[in-house]
C-alpha cells in the first residue's frame, strides 16, 4: 500500500504516514481487544486479571513475536534481543507509567505476588543465559517451557479462586462467537498497525544515524509496545484495572519466555556486545524493582500519579543515556 503511495507522495513523507496510520490502527484495535477479551472472560467466568495475564498480554505481544523471529532469521540478532528487553522496559517505564500519570491504578488482586515473582524469575533466567554472549536452542526451549508452566498454573488458580472478580459476577453482553471474532480481528489489526508504526519510526530513526541495537531498544521497542499502551489505557478508563496490570506483567513474561524463547528455539541468537546486554538488563531489573515497590502492599496498593511520574522520568533518563552512549 505504501509503495503505491510513494508514487504520489514525497518519499520523506511515507514514514510519517506509516506512523500515523499505525497509531490509528493500534487505538481502534486496542479497544476491540479489551471489549472482546472482557466479554469472553465474563462468558467463561474467568477473572479479567487472568485474561490480562494471558489472552490480552500474549495478543498485544504478537508484534514483538513477528519482529524478533523475523530479525533472528535474517541474522539481525541485536534487533531480536533488543526488541524484547526494550519492550519490557517500555512496558513499565513508559506504558504503565503513562497510564498511572493519567489515572491512578488501584491494585485489587491479592495473588499478584506470584505473577511478579514469575516475571523476575524469567528476567533473571534471560540474564544468566546471556552471560556467555549467546542464547541457544536449549535455553530457548527452557524459556518456552517456563511460560507453559506459568500459563497453566495461572489458569488453575483462576478456576480455584472464589468468584469475586467483576468478570465472574457481571454477565456477558455479547455473543461469545462475536466476541471471539472481535478478538481475532483485533489481533490481526494490531499486527498490521504495529508493522506500520515500527516501519515509520524506523524510517525516521535511520535518518539520525543510530545503531540497530539503539533502534531496537528504543524506537522498535516503544512501537511494538504501543498495543499495551492503548489496551491498558482503554482498560483503566473502563475501570478494568486488573486487566491493565495483568496486561503489563503478562506481556513482560511472554516477551522473554515466549517471544525470545521461541526465537532462540528457531534460530540460536548471539549477543554482539555482552557489556551492553548486561547494562540493558540492569535497567530492566531496576524498572521491575521500582514497579514492585510502587505496588506494595499488594493487598491494598496502587500505582499513583507520582509513582507513575517517577517511572516516566527514569524512562526518559534511560533514553538519554541510550542515545548519548
Protein backbone atom coordinates (compact mmCIF):
# COMPACT_ATOMS: atom_id res chain seq x y z
CA UNK A 1 0.00 0.00 0.00
CA UNK A 2 2.74 2.46 0.95
CA UNK A 3 4.76 1.53 -2.14
CA UNK A 4 1.84 2.70 -4.29
CA UNK A 5 1.55 5.92 -2.30
CA UNK A 6 5.24 6.64 -2.85
CA UNK A 7 4.43 7.47 -6.48
CA UNK A 8 2.20 10.38 -5.44
CA UNK A 9 3.77 11.46 -2.14
CA UNK A 10 7.30 12.66 -1.36
CA UNK A 11 9.47 9.77 -0.16
CA UNK A 12 10.30 11.57 3.09
CA UNK A 13 6.57 11.77 3.95
CA UNK A 14 5.98 7.98 3.82
CA UNK A 15 7.48 7.16 7.28
CA UNK A 16 5.29 9.82 8.92
CA UNK A 17 2.19 8.43 7.15
CA UNK A 18 3.08 4.90 8.31
CA UNK A 19 3.49 6.19 11.84
CA UNK A 20 0.10 7.97 11.83
CA UNK A 21 -1.86 5.09 10.27
CA UNK A 22 -0.16 2.57 12.52
CA UNK A 23 -1.11 4.55 15.62
CA UNK A 24 -4.74 4.86 14.43
CA UNK A 25 -4.93 1.09 13.86
CA UNK A 26 -3.45 0.44 17.31
CA UNK A 27 -6.02 2.67 19.03
CA UNK A 28 -9.01 1.10 17.26
CA UNK A 29 -7.80 -2.48 17.64
CA UNK A 30 -6.76 -1.95 21.26
CA UNK A 31 -10.35 -1.01 22.03
CA UNK A 32 -11.59 -4.13 20.22
CA UNK A 33 -9.13 -6.31 22.12
CA UNK A 34 -10.34 -5.12 25.53
CA UNK A 35 -14.01 -5.46 24.57
CA UNK A 36 -13.63 -8.96 23.13
CA UNK A 37 -11.45 -10.32 25.91
CA UNK A 38 -13.60 -8.94 28.74
CA UNK A 39 -16.74 -10.37 27.16
CA UNK A 40 -15.08 -13.78 26.76
CA UNK A 41 -13.86 -13.61 30.37
CA UNK A 42 -17.38 -12.98 31.59
CA UNK A 43 -18.78 -15.79 29.42
CA UNK A 44 -16.13 -18.25 30.69
CA UNK A 45 -16.41 -16.88 34.27
CA UNK A 46 -12.66 -16.19 34.37
CA UNK A 47 -11.31 -13.08 36.11
CA UNK A 48 -10.14 -10.18 33.97
CA UNK A 49 -6.74 -10.24 35.72
CA UNK A 50 -6.08 -13.74 34.39
CA UNK A 51 -7.34 -12.74 30.94
CA UNK A 52 -5.00 -9.76 31.06
CA UNK A 53 -2.09 -12.03 32.02
CA UNK A 54 -2.77 -14.47 29.18
CA UNK A 55 -5.05 -13.65 26.23
CA UNK A 56 -4.59 -9.87 26.19
CA UNK A 57 -0.91 -9.89 27.20
CA UNK A 58 0.08 -12.53 24.69
CA UNK A 59 -2.05 -10.93 21.98
CA UNK A 60 -0.55 -7.48 22.43
CA UNK A 61 2.92 -9.06 22.36
CA UNK A 62 2.29 -10.51 18.91
CA UNK A 63 4.20 -7.63 17.22
CA UNK A 64 7.31 -8.47 19.27
CA UNK A 65 6.98 -12.11 18.21
CA UNK A 66 6.78 -11.27 14.50
CA UNK A 67 9.67 -8.80 14.67
CA UNK A 68 12.04 -10.91 16.80
CA UNK A 69 11.59 -14.14 14.82
CA UNK A 70 11.97 -12.27 11.55
CA UNK A 71 15.06 -10.45 12.82
CA UNK A 72 16.57 -13.69 14.12
CA UNK A 73 16.08 -15.47 10.81
CA UNK A 74 17.70 -12.54 8.97
CA UNK A 75 20.68 -12.60 11.32
CA UNK A 76 19.78 -9.27 12.96
CA UNK A 77 20.20 -10.69 16.47
CA UNK A 78 20.65 -7.30 18.15
CA UNK A 79 17.17 -6.33 16.96
CA UNK A 80 15.66 -9.65 18.11
CA UNK A 81 17.09 -9.36 21.63
CA UNK A 82 16.97 -5.58 21.98
CA UNK A 83 13.31 -5.54 20.92
CA UNK A 84 12.36 -7.80 23.85
CA UNK A 85 14.45 -6.06 26.52
CA UNK A 86 13.43 -2.61 25.31
CA UNK A 87 9.75 -3.58 25.15
CA UNK A 88 9.80 -4.81 28.74
CA UNK A 89 11.46 -1.60 29.91
CA UNK A 90 8.95 0.44 27.91
CA UNK A 91 6.01 -1.57 29.29
CA UNK A 92 6.87 -0.46 32.82
CA UNK A 93 8.68 2.85 32.37
CA UNK A 94 6.56 4.29 29.55
CA UNK A 95 3.29 2.34 29.19
CA UNK A 96 2.24 1.63 32.79
CA UNK A 97 3.81 4.91 33.95
CA UNK A 98 1.83 6.95 31.40
CA UNK A 99 -1.42 5.22 32.36
CA UNK A 100 -0.71 5.85 36.08
CA UNK A 101 0.03 9.55 35.45
CA UNK A 102 -3.34 9.90 33.69
CA UNK A 103 -5.29 7.89 36.26
CA UNK A 104 -4.14 6.19 39.49
CA UNK A 105 -4.26 2.39 39.08
CA UNK A 106 -5.63 0.58 42.16
CA UNK A 107 -4.27 -2.90 42.90
CA UNK A 108 -7.05 -5.26 43.92
CA UNK A 109 -5.66 -8.71 43.13
CA UNK A 110 -4.04 -10.34 46.17
CA UNK A 111 -2.39 -13.12 44.11
CA UNK A 112 -0.21 -10.62 42.24
CA UNK A 113 2.90 -11.63 44.22
CA UNK A 114 3.14 -14.94 42.35
CA UNK A 115 2.95 -13.23 38.96
CA UNK A 116 5.55 -10.61 39.88
CA UNK A 117 7.84 -13.36 41.19
CA UNK A 118 7.44 -15.28 37.92
CA UNK A 119 8.32 -12.13 35.95
CA UNK A 120 11.51 -11.66 38.00
CA UNK A 121 12.47 -15.34 37.57
CA UNK A 122 12.27 -15.33 33.75
CA UNK A 123 14.10 -11.98 33.66
CA UNK A 124 16.90 -13.50 35.79
CA UNK A 125 16.98 -16.56 33.51
CA UNK A 126 17.49 -14.32 30.48
CA UNK A 127 20.40 -12.56 32.19
CA UNK A 128 22.04 -15.87 33.14
CA UNK A 129 21.51 -17.38 29.68
CA UNK A 130 23.02 -14.32 28.00
CA UNK A 131 26.21 -14.14 30.07
CA UNK A 132 28.00 -16.41 27.58
CA UNK A 133 27.04 -14.00 24.74
CA UNK A 134 24.55 -16.43 23.22
CA UNK A 135 21.04 -17.79 23.75
CA UNK A 136 20.86 -21.29 22.30
CA UNK A 137 18.04 -23.60 21.32
CA UNK A 138 18.03 -25.50 24.63
CA UNK A 139 17.87 -22.23 26.57
CA UNK A 140 15.05 -21.06 24.30
CA UNK A 141 13.12 -24.25 24.97
CA UNK A 142 13.64 -23.83 28.73
CA UNK A 143 12.06 -20.38 28.49
CA UNK A 144 9.12 -21.71 26.44
CA UNK A 145 8.54 -24.50 28.98
CA UNK A 146 8.61 -21.95 31.81
CA UNK A 147 5.92 -19.94 30.03
CA UNK A 148 3.77 -23.07 29.52
CA UNK A 149 4.02 -23.95 33.22
CA UNK A 150 3.23 -20.39 34.28
CA UNK A 151 0.22 -20.10 31.97
CA UNK A 152 -1.18 -23.48 33.04
CA UNK A 153 -0.78 -22.63 36.72
CA UNK A 154 -2.41 -19.22 36.20
CA UNK A 155 -5.47 -20.88 34.66
CA UNK A 156 -5.63 -23.42 37.50
CA UNK A 157 -5.52 -20.58 40.04
CA UNK A 158 -8.29 -18.79 38.17
CA UNK A 159 -10.58 -21.78 38.49
CA UNK A 160 -9.80 -22.27 42.19
CA UNK A 161 -10.37 -18.68 43.23
CA UNK A 162 -13.67 -17.58 44.71
CA UNK A 163 -15.85 -15.73 42.17
CA UNK A 164 -15.18 -12.25 43.50
CA UNK A 165 -13.88 -10.72 40.28
CA UNK A 166 -16.07 -8.39 38.24
CA UNK A 167 -15.75 -10.63 35.20
CA UNK A 168 -17.12 -13.55 37.22
CA UNK A 169 -20.08 -11.65 38.63
CA UNK A 170 -21.16 -9.49 35.68
CA UNK A 171 -23.00 -11.31 32.86
CA UNK A 172 -21.61 -11.07 29.35
CA UNK A 173 -23.49 -8.81 26.93
CA UNK A 174 -22.01 -10.09 23.66
CA UNK A 175 -22.40 -13.39 21.85
CA UNK A 176 -19.22 -15.41 22.60
CA UNK A 177 -18.65 -16.13 18.91
CA UNK A 178 -18.91 -12.42 18.12
CA UNK A 179 -16.51 -11.65 20.99
CA UNK A 180 -14.04 -14.23 19.68
CA UNK A 181 -14.32 -12.79 16.16
CA UNK A 182 -13.73 -9.29 17.52
CA UNK A 183 -10.70 -10.55 19.44
CA UNK A 184 -9.27 -12.19 16.31
CA UNK A 185 -9.86 -9.06 14.22
CA UNK A 186 -8.14 -7.00 16.92
CA UNK A 187 -5.06 -9.24 16.91
CA UNK A 188 -4.79 -9.06 13.11
CA UNK A 189 -5.23 -5.29 13.19
CA UNK A 190 -2.63 -4.94 15.94
CA UNK A 191 -0.16 -6.89 13.82
CA UNK A 192 -0.57 -4.58 10.80
CA UNK A 193 -0.80 -1.43 12.91
CA UNK A 194 2.38 -2.32 14.75
CA UNK A 195 4.17 -3.10 11.47
CA UNK A 196 3.24 0.31 10.06
CA UNK A 197 4.17 2.11 13.27
CA UNK A 198 7.54 0.40 13.57
CA UNK A 199 8.45 0.83 9.90
CA UNK A 200 7.56 4.51 10.08
CA UNK A 201 9.53 5.00 13.28
CA UNK A 202 12.48 3.05 11.91
CA UNK A 203 12.48 5.10 8.71
CA UNK A 204 12.65 8.29 10.74
CA UNK A 205 15.27 6.94 13.18
CA UNK A 206 17.61 5.66 10.47
CA UNK A 207 17.98 9.23 9.21
CA UNK A 208 19.51 10.05 12.60
CA UNK A 209 22.32 7.53 12.03
CA UNK A 210 21.83 5.36 15.14
CA UNK A 211 22.74 1.66 15.52
CA UNK A 212 20.41 -1.34 15.17
CA UNK A 213 20.59 -2.00 18.92
CA UNK A 214 19.60 1.55 19.80
CA UNK A 215 16.75 1.45 17.28
CA UNK A 216 15.59 -1.94 18.65
CA UNK A 217 15.73 -0.97 22.34
CA UNK A 218 14.06 2.39 21.78
CA UNK A 219 12.07 3.04 18.59
CA UNK A 220 11.13 -0.55 17.74
CA UNK A 221 10.52 -1.46 21.40
CA UNK A 222 8.24 1.51 22.05
CA UNK A 223 6.46 0.94 18.76
CA UNK A 224 5.76 -2.74 19.46
CA UNK A 225 4.65 -1.80 22.99
CA UNK A 226 2.03 0.61 21.64
CA UNK A 227 -0.70 -2.08 21.78
CA UNK A 228 -0.02 -2.47 25.51
CA UNK A 229 -0.34 1.29 25.98
CA UNK A 230 -3.63 1.53 24.13
CA UNK A 231 -5.03 -1.62 25.76
CA UNK A 232 -4.01 -0.57 29.28
CA UNK A 233 -5.40 2.95 28.86
CA UNK A 234 -8.71 1.67 27.50
CA UNK A 235 -8.88 -0.86 30.34
CA UNK A 236 -8.29 1.80 33.02
CA UNK A 237 -10.86 4.18 31.54
CA UNK A 238 -13.34 1.28 31.58
CA UNK A 239 -12.45 0.56 35.23
CA UNK A 240 -10.91 -2.81 34.26
CA UNK A 241 -7.83 -2.11 36.38
CA UNK A 242 -6.86 -5.76 36.82
CA UNK A 243 -6.75 -6.12 33.04
CA UNK A 244 -4.35 -3.17 32.80
CA UNK A 245 -1.91 -4.51 35.41
CA UNK A 246 -2.19 -8.10 34.18
CA UNK A 247 -1.54 -6.97 30.62
CA UNK A 248 1.83 -5.42 31.55
CA UNK A 249 3.07 -8.29 33.73
CA UNK A 250 1.85 -10.92 31.28
CA UNK A 251 3.42 -9.09 28.33
CA UNK A 252 6.80 -8.95 30.09
CA UNK A 253 6.55 -12.67 30.83
CA UNK A 254 5.59 -13.51 27.26
CA UNK A 255 8.22 -11.23 25.69
CA UNK A 256 11.05 -13.09 27.39
CA UNK A 257 9.74 -16.63 27.76
CA UNK A 258 7.56 -16.68 24.64
CA UNK A 259 9.00 -14.26 22.07
CA UNK A 260 12.69 -14.70 22.87
CA UNK A 261 12.24 -18.35 23.83
CA UNK A 262 10.58 -19.26 20.52
CA UNK A 263 13.03 -17.12 18.54
CA UNK A 264 16.06 -18.80 20.15
CA UNK A 265 14.49 -22.24 19.67
CA UNK A 266 14.04 -21.49 15.96
CA UNK A 267 17.45 -19.88 15.44
CA UNK A 268 20.14 -19.55 18.16
CA UNK A 269 20.89 -15.93 18.99
CA UNK A 270 24.29 -14.33 19.50
CA UNK A 271 24.83 -11.22 21.63
CA UNK A 272 27.06 -8.70 19.90
CA UNK A 273 28.25 -6.79 22.99
CA UNK A 274 27.81 -8.57 26.33
CA UNK A 275 28.52 -5.44 28.37
CA UNK A 276 25.70 -3.55 26.64
CA UNK A 277 23.40 -6.55 27.14
CA UNK A 278 24.18 -6.63 30.87
CA UNK A 279 23.68 -2.86 31.08
CA UNK A 280 20.22 -3.11 29.47
CA UNK A 281 19.32 -5.98 31.80
CA UNK A 282 20.33 -3.93 34.86
CA UNK A 283 17.99 -1.18 33.68
CA UNK A 284 15.21 -3.76 33.23
CA UNK A 285 15.72 -5.10 36.77
CA UNK A 286 15.67 -1.53 38.12
CA UNK A 287 12.33 -0.78 36.45
CA UNK A 288 10.88 -4.10 37.65
CA UNK A 289 12.01 -3.44 41.23
CA UNK A 290 10.51 0.07 41.18
CA UNK A 291 7.22 -1.35 39.89
CA UNK A 292 7.16 -3.80 42.80
CA UNK A 293 7.89 -1.05 45.32
CA UNK A 294 5.19 1.17 43.79
CA UNK A 295 2.58 -1.58 44.14
CA UNK A 296 3.32 -2.50 47.77
CA UNK A 297 1.37 -3.53 49.76
CA UNK A 298 -0.18 -5.77 47.11
CA UNK A 299 -3.36 -6.36 49.12
CA UNK A 300 -4.48 -2.72 49.02
CA UNK A 301 -1.86 -0.92 46.98
CA UNK A 302 -1.96 1.31 43.93
CA UNK A 303 0.30 2.86 41.33
CA UNK A 304 -0.18 6.58 41.94
CA UNK A 305 0.36 9.52 39.63
CA UNK A 306 3.54 10.46 41.50
CA UNK A 307 4.94 6.93 41.18
CA UNK A 308 3.99 6.91 37.51
CA UNK A 309 5.83 10.21 37.09
CA UNK A 310 8.95 8.76 38.72
CA UNK A 311 8.91 5.76 36.37
CA UNK A 312 8.34 8.01 33.37
CA UNK A 313 11.23 10.28 34.38
CA UNK A 314 13.52 7.27 34.78
CA UNK A 315 12.50 6.03 31.33
CA UNK A 316 13.36 9.42 29.83
CA UNK A 317 16.74 9.21 31.57
CA UNK A 318 17.30 5.75 30.09
CA UNK A 319 16.55 7.08 26.60
CA UNK A 320 19.02 9.94 27.04
CA UNK A 321 21.74 7.54 28.26
CA UNK A 322 20.97 5.16 25.40
CA UNK A 323 21.34 7.75 22.66
CA UNK A 324 24.33 9.51 24.20
CA UNK A 325 26.09 6.17 24.62
